[in-house]
Amino acid sequence: MITGWLNKFYNDYRRFLFGMLFLLLFTASPLMGGGWTLPRNGGYAKLWLRWQAAIGALSGHYGPDGTRLPSGDYNEIFFNTYGEYGLAERLTLVGFWPVVTSFHMSNLNDYSYTGTGDMSLGLRWGIIQHRAVLALQFTATAPLANSSIAKPFYNIETGERIGELRVGAGVWDLEPRLQAGYGWNRGHAGAEIAYKYRSKDFLPVLSVSAEGGRRLSEKMYGTFRTVMVEPLGTSAAPLDNSPSGIGNGTEYVGFAFEVDWQRSANFSLGLTLEGAFTFSRQTGGPVMSVYSAWKW
């Protein structure tokens, strides 16, 4: 049984597995905060450019023999913003917005689209805020992205239509998160569990994340994250199979490796490498991001 599973895993991923391992490919929640809150009037802002380079992409759609179907090259380029602001002791406002989202599909139906993404706002309440932390966060995501885009994409070997590119889900997401963490002089560890309610009869989603980081040198800090995203139950709404992963029913297990280079006491630059080992209803990575971050 185990041998059969390993053979299936290799057959599914052989076209990009070694590249993923080399880059430590990962997919991580952009709102993962580790449970730490900011002091009153304290702030944190992050700007980053994200590139998903799915070259020779395999879709999240299985053929009759259980192998993933080739769907051509696919790229995403996003300019993302993220911020936190301390409203009061133990109460922090958080926000995430992909200001520019650009999708490029090289398929039997080539297509490009540039717009904006859905905006998320939330509150994080620090229940325990010492070396060990525990926090409860509630996030709401508004459907700002264009949900009417539905461009077909195909199996490039057979011409069979296997899904549609979507750039917006068109639903409200409401998500409570329980976050825990522990920090020490040269590192930290954190974990999170979240339940996402989605409107319009979309499947609710359970996600579990964990991360650990340590100081690599005086000015360098490395963080490794892992995340599992699992839709729950059955859906009255149609399931989507989009290379973007935007839609109903997307699931994955992914990882991320981030290196932060502190340039001054309040400013840093960084690099994040992301992707997924298992995924469904989306296209595999890698995903690479460069960012700048400020705190005050």
Protein backbone atom coordinates (compact mmCIF):
# COMPACT_ATOMS: atom_id res chain seq x y z
CA MET A 1 0.00 0.00 0.00
CA ILE A 2 2.81 2.41 0.96
CA THR A 3 4.79 1.52 -2.18
CA GLY A 4 1.75 2.23 -4.34
CA TRP A 5 1.26 5.62 -2.69
CA LEU A 6 4.93 6.51 -3.25
CA ASN A 7 4.69 5.55 -6.92
CA LYS A 8 1.56 7.67 -7.36
CA PHE A 9 3.27 10.61 -5.61
CA TYR A 10 6.29 10.34 -7.91
CA ASN A 11 4.13 10.08 -11.05
CA ASP A 12 2.08 13.13 -10.01
CA TYR A 13 5.06 15.35 -9.27
CA ARG A 14 8.05 14.09 -11.28
CA ARG A 15 7.96 17.09 -13.67
CA PHE A 16 8.61 19.60 -10.92
CA LEU A 17 9.41 17.68 -7.72
CA PHE A 18 13.17 18.25 -7.74
CA GLY A 19 12.74 21.94 -8.51
CA MET A 20 10.30 22.23 -5.63
CA LEU A 21 12.68 20.51 -3.23
CA PHE A 22 15.55 22.72 -4.36
CA LEU A 23 13.56 25.89 -3.80
CA LEU A 24 11.65 24.65 -0.72
CA LEU A 25 8.40 25.52 -2.44
CA PHE A 26 5.58 26.65 -0.34
CA THR A 27 2.16 28.16 0.07
CA ALA A 28 1.43 30.00 3.29
CA SER A 29 -1.33 32.09 4.70
CA PRO A 30 -0.65 35.82 4.12
CA LEU A 31 -2.38 36.68 7.39
CA MET A 32 -0.35 34.37 9.62
CA GLY A 33 0.63 36.62 12.53
CA GLY A 34 1.89 34.17 15.15
CA GLY A 35 -0.36 35.53 17.92
CA TRP A 36 1.71 38.58 18.86
CA THR A 37 -0.09 41.91 19.22
CA LEU A 38 1.39 45.41 18.88
CA PRO A 39 1.60 48.08 21.59
CA ARG A 40 -0.87 50.96 21.39
CA ASN A 41 -0.12 53.12 18.29
CA GLY A 42 2.59 50.69 17.21
CA GLY A 43 2.59 49.60 13.60
CA TYR A 44 3.94 47.16 11.03
CA ALA A 45 3.70 47.51 7.23
CA LYS A 46 4.84 45.13 4.52
CA LEU A 47 4.93 45.55 0.72
CA TRP A 48 5.85 42.65 -1.52
CA LEU A 49 5.99 41.52 -5.11
CA ARG A 50 4.86 37.92 -5.60
CA TRP A 51 5.52 35.80 -8.68
CA GLN A 52 4.01 32.38 -9.24
CA ALA A 53 6.01 30.77 -12.04
CA ALA A 54 4.13 27.62 -13.03
CA ILE A 55 6.18 26.74 -16.10
CA GLY A 56 4.94 23.60 -17.84
CA ALA A 57 2.22 23.60 -15.21
CA LEU A 58 0.31 20.58 -14.03
CA SER A 59 -3.30 21.33 -13.22
CA GLY A 60 -5.05 20.32 -10.02
CA HIS A 61 -7.21 18.04 -12.15
CA TYR A 62 -6.71 14.28 -12.36
CA GLY A 63 -7.11 12.18 -15.50
CA PRO A 64 -8.72 8.69 -15.55
CA ASP A 65 -5.34 7.06 -14.77
CA GLY A 66 -4.81 9.21 -11.67
CA THR A 67 -2.09 11.45 -13.13
CA ARG A 68 -2.28 15.23 -13.25
CA LEU A 69 -3.06 16.82 -16.60
CA PRO A 70 -0.61 19.23 -18.32
CA SER A 71 -2.17 22.68 -18.73
CA GLY A 72 0.58 24.84 -20.23
CA ASP A 73 2.56 27.66 -18.68
CA TYR A 74 0.86 29.86 -16.11
CA ASN A 75 2.09 32.95 -14.26
CA GLU A 76 0.77 35.30 -11.60
CA ILE A 77 2.36 38.60 -10.56
CA PHE A 78 0.83 40.29 -7.50
CA PHE A 79 1.71 43.48 -5.64
CA ASN A 80 0.53 42.87 -2.08
CA THR A 81 0.16 45.07 1.00
CA TYR A 82 -0.13 43.96 4.60
CA GLY A 83 -0.36 46.02 7.78
CA GLU A 84 -0.91 45.86 11.53
CA TYR A 85 -1.76 48.71 13.91
CA GLY A 86 -2.05 48.63 17.68
CA LEU A 87 -5.45 50.04 18.63
CA ALA A 88 -4.96 49.34 22.33
CA GLU A 89 -2.93 47.06 24.54
CA ARG A 90 -3.58 43.51 23.33
CA LEU A 91 -5.84 44.67 20.45
CA THR A 92 -4.35 44.93 16.95
CA LEU A 93 -5.97 45.82 13.63
CA VAL A 94 -4.70 43.71 10.69
CA GLY A 95 -5.25 44.16 6.96
CA PHE A 96 -4.24 42.47 3.71
CA TRP A 97 -4.89 43.65 0.15
CA PRO A 98 -3.44 42.45 -3.17
CA VAL A 99 -3.56 45.91 -4.78
CA VAL A 100 -2.56 44.65 -8.23
CA THR A 101 -3.19 41.10 -9.44
CA SER A 102 -1.97 40.03 -12.85
CA PHE A 103 -2.72 36.61 -14.41
CA HIS A 104 -1.08 35.20 -17.55
CA MET A 105 -2.11 31.87 -19.05
CA SER A 106 -0.24 30.31 -21.99
CA ASN A 107 -2.64 27.58 -22.98
CA LEU A 108 -4.64 26.65 -26.07
CA ASN A 109 -6.59 29.75 -25.02
CA ASP A 110 -3.88 32.34 -24.17
CA TYR A 111 -5.15 35.03 -21.83
CA SER A 112 -3.92 37.86 -19.58
CA TYR A 113 -5.79 39.92 -17.02
CA THR A 114 -4.78 42.66 -14.56
CA GLY A 115 -7.03 43.93 -11.78
CA THR A 116 -7.21 44.04 -7.99
CA GLY A 117 -7.74 41.36 -5.37
CA ASP A 118 -10.07 40.83 -2.42
CA MET A 119 -9.42 42.94 0.71
CA SER A 120 -9.20 41.45 4.21
CA LEU A 121 -9.54 43.29 7.54
CA GLY A 122 -9.41 41.79 11.00
CA LEU A 123 -8.87 42.24 14.72
CA ARG A 124 -6.42 40.26 16.85
CA TRP A 125 -7.04 40.06 20.60
CA GLY A 126 -4.10 38.98 22.72
CA ILE A 127 -5.38 36.66 25.44
CA ILE A 128 -1.87 35.94 26.72
CA GLN A 129 1.01 38.22 25.73
CA HIS A 130 4.27 37.26 27.42
CA ARG A 131 7.09 35.07 26.13
CA ALA A 132 4.28 32.63 25.39
CA VAL A 133 1.34 34.12 23.51
CA LEU A 134 -2.24 33.13 22.73
CA ALA A 135 -4.53 35.24 20.57
CA LEU A 136 -7.91 35.13 18.88
CA GLN A 137 -8.28 36.83 15.51
CA PHE A 138 -11.36 37.46 13.39
CA THR A 139 -10.95 38.36 9.72
CA ALA A 140 -13.49 39.37 7.07
CA THR A 141 -12.64 39.35 3.35
CA ALA A 142 -14.64 41.48 0.91
CA PRO A 143 -15.08 40.34 -2.72
CA LEU A 144 -13.44 43.22 -4.62
CA ALA A 145 -11.90 41.12 -7.40
CA ASN A 146 -13.72 40.54 -10.69
CA SER A 147 -15.64 37.29 -10.24
CA SER A 148 -17.12 37.26 -13.75
CA ILE A 149 -13.85 36.23 -15.45
CA ALA A 150 -14.04 32.55 -16.44
CA LYS A 151 -11.59 31.76 -19.26
CA PRO A 152 -11.32 28.08 -20.28
CA PHE A 153 -8.02 26.26 -19.96
CA TYR A 154 -7.18 22.94 -21.54
CA ASN A 155 -5.10 19.81 -21.45
CA ILE A 156 -2.44 20.95 -23.94
CA GLU A 157 -1.79 17.37 -25.08
CA THR A 158 -5.37 16.37 -25.92
CA GLY A 159 -7.23 19.70 -26.21
CA GLU A 160 -9.73 18.60 -23.54
CA ARG A 161 -11.19 21.45 -21.50
CA ILE A 162 -10.26 20.82 -17.86
CA GLY A 163 -11.26 24.02 -16.09
CA GLU A 164 -11.60 27.79 -16.12
CA LEU A 165 -9.26 30.54 -15.01
CA ARG A 166 -10.90 32.64 -12.28
CA VAL A 167 -9.45 35.85 -10.87
CA GLY A 168 -12.08 36.43 -8.15
CA ALA A 169 -14.34 34.16 -6.11
CA GLY A 170 -17.11 36.73 -5.61
CA VAL A 171 -17.90 35.64 -2.04
CA TRP A 172 -17.51 37.00 1.48
CA ASP A 173 -15.16 35.08 3.77
CA LEU A 174 -15.52 35.22 7.57
CA GLU A 175 -12.71 33.57 9.49
CA PRO A 176 -11.99 33.15 13.23
CA ARG A 177 -8.40 32.11 14.01
CA LEU A 178 -6.80 30.79 17.20
CA GLN A 179 -3.08 31.62 17.28
CA ALA A 180 -0.35 30.53 19.69
CA GLY A 181 3.36 31.20 19.86
CA TYR A 182 6.49 31.20 21.94
CA GLY A 183 9.53 33.44 21.57
CA TRP A 184 13.04 33.16 22.93
CA ASN A 185 16.23 35.13 22.46
CA ARG A 186 17.21 33.69 19.07
CA GLY A 187 13.99 32.27 17.69
CA HIS A 188 10.26 31.65 17.84
CA ALA A 189 7.59 29.03 17.17
CA GLY A 190 3.95 29.56 16.29
CA ALA A 191 0.80 27.70 15.29
CA GLU A 192 -2.68 28.59 14.10
CA ILE A 193 -6.00 26.90 13.45
CA ALA A 194 -8.74 28.68 11.48
CA TYR A 195 -12.25 28.03 10.19
CA LYS A 196 -13.41 30.01 7.16
CA TYR A 197 -17.11 30.50 6.43
CA ARG A 198 -17.76 31.34 2.75
CA SER A 199 -20.97 32.85 1.39
CA LYS A 200 -23.01 31.69 -1.64
CA ASP A 201 -22.93 28.05 -0.48
CA PHE A 202 -19.17 27.72 -1.00
CA LEU A 203 -17.51 25.01 1.08
CA PRO A 204 -16.22 26.14 4.48
CA VAL A 205 -12.47 25.69 4.90
CA LEU A 206 -10.34 24.40 7.77
CA SER A 207 -6.70 25.51 7.82
CA VAL A 208 -3.88 24.54 10.18
CA SER A 209 -0.53 26.34 10.11
CA ALA A 210 2.75 26.06 11.99
CA GLU A 211 6.01 27.96 11.80
CA GLY A 212 9.40 28.17 13.41
CA GLY A 213 12.22 30.66 13.04
CA ARG A 214 15.64 31.50 14.39
CA ARG A 215 18.32 34.14 14.01
CA LEU A 216 20.89 33.09 11.39
CA SER A 217 23.29 35.95 12.06
CA GLU A 218 23.24 39.39 13.65
CA LYS A 219 21.01 40.77 10.87
CA MET A 220 19.52 37.67 9.21
CA TYR A 221 16.47 35.74 10.40
CA GLY A 222 15.02 32.60 8.81
CA THR A 223 11.46 31.25 9.14
CA PHE A 224 9.96 27.98 7.93
CA ARG A 225 6.16 27.58 7.67
CA THR A 226 3.81 24.79 6.76
CA VAL A 227 0.07 24.96 6.13
CA MET A 228 -2.78 22.58 5.37
CA VAL A 229 -5.98 23.90 3.78
CA GLU A 230 -8.94 21.50 3.63
CA PRO A 231 -12.51 22.22 2.42
CA LEU A 232 -15.21 20.59 4.53
CA GLY A 233 -18.46 18.83 3.67
CA THR A 234 -20.36 18.96 0.40
CA SER A 235 -21.24 22.06 -1.59
CA ALA A 236 -24.42 23.27 -3.24
CA ALA A 237 -22.26 25.62 -5.33
CA PRO A 238 -20.23 24.19 -8.24
CA LEU A 239 -16.62 23.27 -7.47
CA ASP A 240 -14.02 25.28 -9.40
CA ASN A 241 -10.92 23.97 -11.15
CA SER A 242 -8.88 27.12 -11.79
CA PRO A 243 -5.08 27.36 -12.18
CA SER A 244 -5.24 30.36 -9.81
CA GLY A 245 -6.75 28.29 -6.99
CA ILE A 246 -9.40 31.01 -6.63
CA GLY A 247 -12.83 29.50 -6.31
CA ASN A 248 -14.70 26.77 -4.47
CA GLY A 249 -13.05 23.60 -3.18
CA THR A 250 -9.32 24.40 -3.42
CA GLU A 251 -7.15 22.30 -1.11
CA TYR A 252 -3.40 21.94 -0.56
CA VAL A 253 -0.57 21.14 1.81
CA GLY A 254 2.26 23.61 1.39
CA PHE A 255 5.42 25.09 2.82
CA ALA A 256 7.35 28.36 2.90
CA PHE A 257 10.89 29.46 3.67
CA GLU A 258 11.54 33.12 4.39
CA VAL A 259 14.78 35.02 5.00
CA ASP A 260 14.57 38.47 6.57
CA TRP A 261 17.53 40.86 6.30
CA GLN A 262 17.36 43.62 8.91
CA ARG A 263 18.78 46.80 7.40
CA SER A 264 18.06 49.02 10.43
CA ALA A 265 16.20 48.82 13.71
CA ASN A 266 12.84 49.45 11.97
CA PHE A 267 13.36 48.38 8.35
CA SER A 268 14.05 45.04 6.68
CA LEU A 269 14.16 43.37 3.27
CA GLY A 270 13.27 39.75 2.61
CA LEU A 271 12.81 36.84 0.25
CA THR A 272 10.12 34.14 0.46
CA LEU A 273 9.99 30.89 -1.54
CA GLU A 274 6.64 29.06 -1.65
CA GLY A 275 4.80 26.14 -3.24
CA ALA A 276 2.79 23.00 -2.48
CA PHE A 277 3.50 19.28 -2.28
CA THR A 278 -0.14 18.25 -2.65
CA PHE A 279 -2.86 20.37 -4.21
CA SER A 280 -6.23 20.15 -5.93
CA ARG A 281 -8.19 22.63 -8.05
CA GLN A 282 -5.19 24.89 -8.62
CA THR A 283 -1.77 24.87 -10.32
CA GLY A 284 1.50 24.08 -8.59
CA GLY A 285 4.32 26.55 -7.88
CA PRO A 286 6.98 27.65 -7.33
CA VAL A 287 6.05 31.03 -5.85
CA MET A 288 8.76 33.61 -5.14
CA SER A 289 8.36 36.94 -3.33
CA VAL A 290 10.59 39.87 -2.44
CA TYR A 291 9.44 42.32 0.22
CA SER A 292 10.22 45.33 2.34
CA ALA A 293 8.86 45.84 5.86
CA TRP A 294 8.72 48.69 8.37
CA LYS A 295 7.77 48.83 12.03
CA TRP A 296 7.24 51.74 14.40
